[in-house]
Amino acid sequence: MSIEASLKERSGNKCELCSSVEELKVFSVPPLEEESADRALLVCTDCLLQIEDEEKMNINHWHCLNESMWSEHAAVQVMAFRILKRLTSEGWAQDLLEQLYLEDETRKWAEAGLPDENAVKTLDSNGAELADGDTVTLIKDLVVKGGGFTAKRGTTVKNITLTDNPQHIEGRVNGTRIVLVADFLKKA
């Protein structure tokens, strides 16, 4: 039996997160050891879009986790845990997360797919997180050592690159690739 057929039988042909019957797809829950029905779940397009793109997250849609988090299937429990972790700023989601019990192995799987909270982020002078490709503006005149020029306040630096040091970014100013201190920048 195929993974999709197994999941349809297991779920009663419904989304295992929100119970929708519209446009169902197989979603393999990372990290994958192997492709199997035990490591996947059947989800609707709406749930899938929100799982894959946090910017499309509709908080009200996820009240359905109140029921689906109690599933006997580990893959469903793992996704419920991860989604509730994304929504911890919501009181109801935090309450559900506190109620959710996961076996040790399932918890390790669920946590393996979360972003590293200990990762040091590169922040601008206002505390906004910077990412590769962002555009920033200098908030202070900076003398470029070895470049023979001063990068003036208000200069826009496009398509920045993060470095291993979270206090520095790289960017091109006056045609020269230089390292800039993040504290002297603001995200444009």
Protein backbone atom coordinates (compact mmCIF):
# COMPACT_ATOMS: atom_id res chain seq x y z
CA MET A 1 0.00 0.00 0.00
CA SER A 2 1.38 3.45 -0.90
CA ILE A 3 2.11 6.06 1.77
CA GLU A 4 -0.74 8.22 0.50
CA ALA A 5 -3.22 5.32 0.60
CA SER A 6 -2.06 4.43 4.13
CA LEU A 7 -2.50 8.02 5.31
CA LYS A 8 -5.94 8.34 3.72
CA GLU A 9 -7.04 5.17 5.49
CA ARG A 10 -5.49 6.27 8.80
CA SER A 11 -7.05 9.75 8.68
CA GLY A 12 -10.43 8.85 7.26
CA ASN A 13 -9.50 10.94 4.20
CA LYS A 14 -9.29 14.19 6.24
CA CYS A 15 -6.50 16.63 7.05
CA GLU A 16 -4.87 15.25 10.18
CA LEU A 17 -4.43 18.74 11.61
CA CYS A 18 -7.67 20.61 10.83
CA SER A 19 -10.03 17.84 9.55
CA SER A 20 -10.59 19.55 6.18
CA VAL A 21 -11.43 17.25 3.28
CA GLU A 22 -10.31 19.73 0.57
CA GLU A 23 -7.14 19.18 -1.54
CA LEU A 24 -5.24 16.72 0.66
CA LYS A 25 -1.51 16.12 0.24
CA VAL A 26 1.14 13.97 1.89
CA PHE A 27 3.58 15.95 4.04
CA SER A 28 6.73 14.15 5.19
CA VAL A 29 7.79 15.51 8.57
CA PRO A 30 11.51 16.42 8.63
CA PRO A 31 14.09 15.36 9.53
CA LEU A 32 13.41 12.17 7.61
CA GLU A 33 15.08 8.90 8.46
CA GLU A 34 13.07 7.17 5.74
CA GLU A 35 9.91 7.77 3.71
CA SER A 36 7.06 6.06 5.53
CA ALA A 37 3.50 6.66 6.70
CA ASP A 38 4.82 6.83 10.28
CA ARG A 39 6.97 9.86 9.36
CA ALA A 40 4.26 11.67 7.37
CA LEU A 41 0.75 13.04 7.65
CA LEU A 42 -2.10 13.98 5.36
CA VAL A 43 -2.70 17.75 5.30
CA CYS A 44 -4.90 20.17 3.37
CA THR A 45 -3.39 22.85 1.14
CA ASP A 46 -4.21 25.57 3.68
CA CYS A 47 -2.28 23.81 6.48
CA LEU A 48 0.60 22.97 4.12
CA LEU A 49 1.03 26.59 2.96
CA GLN A 50 1.19 27.78 6.57
CA ILE A 51 3.61 25.03 7.62
CA GLU A 52 5.97 25.84 4.76
CA ASP A 53 5.74 29.65 4.97
CA GLU A 54 5.54 31.19 8.44
CA GLU A 55 4.58 34.55 6.88
CA LYS A 56 1.26 33.02 5.74
CA MET A 57 0.42 31.83 9.27
CA ASN A 58 -3.25 32.39 10.14
CA ILE A 59 -3.37 32.17 13.93
CA ASN A 60 -7.11 31.48 14.06
CA HIS A 61 -6.77 28.48 11.73
CA TRP A 62 -4.67 26.64 14.30
CA HIS A 63 -7.30 26.46 17.04
CA CYS A 64 -7.92 23.03 15.45
CA LEU A 65 -4.79 21.78 17.22
CA ASN A 66 -6.85 21.62 20.39
CA GLU A 67 -8.11 18.28 19.06
CA SER A 68 -5.46 17.05 16.64
CA MET A 69 -2.59 17.33 19.16
CA TRP A 70 -4.10 14.33 20.96
CA SER A 71 -3.63 12.09 17.91
CA GLU A 72 -2.06 8.70 18.60
CA HIS A 73 0.24 9.20 15.58
CA ALA A 74 3.67 10.67 16.31
CA ALA A 75 3.89 12.65 13.04
CA VAL A 76 0.68 14.54 13.91
CA GLN A 77 1.91 15.17 17.47
CA VAL A 78 5.25 16.48 16.12
CA MET A 79 3.58 18.96 13.74
CA ALA A 80 1.15 20.12 16.44
CA PHE A 81 4.11 20.72 18.77
CA ARG A 82 6.08 22.68 16.13
CA ILE A 83 3.11 24.84 15.16
CA LEU A 84 2.23 25.57 18.79
CA LYS A 85 5.90 26.54 19.40
CA ARG A 86 5.59 29.11 16.57
CA LEU A 87 2.48 30.50 18.23
CA THR A 88 3.70 30.72 21.85
CA SER A 89 2.97 34.46 21.91
CA GLU A 90 -0.71 33.49 21.86
CA GLY A 91 -2.03 32.55 25.30
CA TRP A 92 -4.24 29.71 24.05
CA ALA A 93 -1.33 28.16 22.12
CA GLN A 94 0.96 28.34 25.15
CA ASP A 95 -1.75 26.63 27.24
CA LEU A 96 -2.09 23.83 24.67
CA LEU A 97 1.67 23.41 24.49
CA GLU A 98 1.85 23.01 28.27
CA GLN A 99 -0.83 20.28 28.10
CA LEU A 100 0.83 18.37 25.25
CA TYR A 101 2.70 15.26 26.39
CA LEU A 102 5.19 13.67 24.01
CA GLU A 103 7.20 10.49 24.49
CA ASP A 104 10.96 11.20 24.71
CA GLU A 105 11.70 9.95 21.18
CA THR A 106 8.79 11.95 19.72
CA ARG A 107 9.89 15.09 21.60
CA LYS A 108 13.44 14.75 20.20
CA TRP A 109 11.99 14.45 16.69
CA ALA A 110 9.74 17.48 17.25
CA GLU A 111 12.58 19.62 18.62
CA ALA A 112 14.95 18.57 15.81
CA GLY A 113 12.79 20.50 13.34
CA LEU A 114 12.71 23.75 15.31
CA PRO A 115 14.99 26.70 14.54
CA ASP A 116 18.01 26.92 16.84
CA GLU A 117 16.98 29.39 19.55
CA ASN A 118 20.60 29.69 20.70
CA ALA A 119 21.80 30.83 17.29
CA VAL A 120 23.20 34.33 17.56
CA LYS A 121 21.43 36.76 15.27
CA THR A 122 22.87 39.79 13.53
CA LEU A 123 20.92 42.86 14.66
CA ASP A 124 21.00 46.45 13.39
CA SER A 125 21.20 49.53 15.64
CA ASN A 126 17.43 49.33 16.27
CA GLY A 127 17.45 45.63 17.13
CA ALA A 128 15.94 44.48 13.81
CA GLU A 129 17.28 41.14 12.60
CA LEU A 130 19.40 41.30 9.46
CA ALA A 131 19.54 38.58 6.80
CA ASP A 132 21.55 37.92 3.67
CA GLY A 133 20.30 40.11 0.82
CA ASP A 134 18.87 42.86 3.04
CA THR A 135 19.41 46.55 2.35
CA VAL A 136 20.81 48.74 5.14
CA THR A 137 21.61 52.41 5.65
CA LEU A 138 24.65 53.78 7.48
CA ILE A 139 23.75 55.87 10.55
CA LYS A 140 27.24 57.31 11.01
CA ASP A 141 30.20 58.37 8.85
CA LEU A 142 32.71 55.49 8.76
CA VAL A 143 36.34 55.80 7.75
CA VAL A 144 37.19 52.83 5.51
CA LYS A 145 40.67 51.68 6.48
CA GLY A 146 42.77 50.87 3.41
CA GLY A 147 40.02 52.16 1.13
CA GLY A 148 41.02 55.80 1.21
CA PHE A 149 37.46 57.08 1.62
CA THR A 150 34.78 57.71 4.21
CA ALA A 151 31.42 55.96 3.89
CA LYS A 152 28.97 58.79 4.62
CA ARG A 153 25.96 58.61 6.89
CA GLY A 154 22.82 57.85 4.88
CA THR A 155 24.67 55.66 2.36
CA THR A 156 22.53 52.70 1.29
CA VAL A 157 24.19 49.30 1.13
CA LYS A 158 22.21 46.74 -0.88
CA ASN A 159 22.39 42.95 -0.90
CA ILE A 160 24.41 42.54 2.29
CA THR A 161 26.05 39.27 3.32
CA LEU A 162 26.19 38.04 6.90
CA THR A 163 29.54 36.89 8.29
CA ASP A 164 30.51 34.34 10.95
CA ASN A 165 30.70 37.24 13.40
CA PRO A 166 27.15 38.40 14.28
CA GLN A 167 28.46 41.96 14.86
CA HIS A 168 29.68 42.34 11.25
CA ILE A 169 28.15 42.24 7.77
CA GLU A 170 29.74 42.60 4.35
CA GLY A 171 28.54 44.98 1.69
CA ARG A 172 29.65 47.05 -1.28
CA VAL A 173 30.24 50.79 -0.74
CA ASN A 174 31.69 52.96 -3.54
CA GLY A 175 32.38 49.78 -5.52
CA THR A 176 34.51 48.30 -2.72
CA ARG A 177 33.46 45.25 -0.70
CA ILE A 178 33.93 46.12 2.98
CA VAL A 179 33.04 44.79 6.41
CA LEU A 180 30.60 46.98 8.37
CA VAL A 181 29.72 46.91 12.05
CA ALA A 182 26.01 46.12 12.44
CA ASP A 183 25.66 48.66 15.30
CA PHE A 184 26.23 51.46 12.76
CA LEU A 185 23.49 50.32 10.39
CA LYS A 186 19.74 50.36 10.22
CA LYS A 187 17.62 48.07 8.09
CA ALA A 188 16.11 49.92 5.15
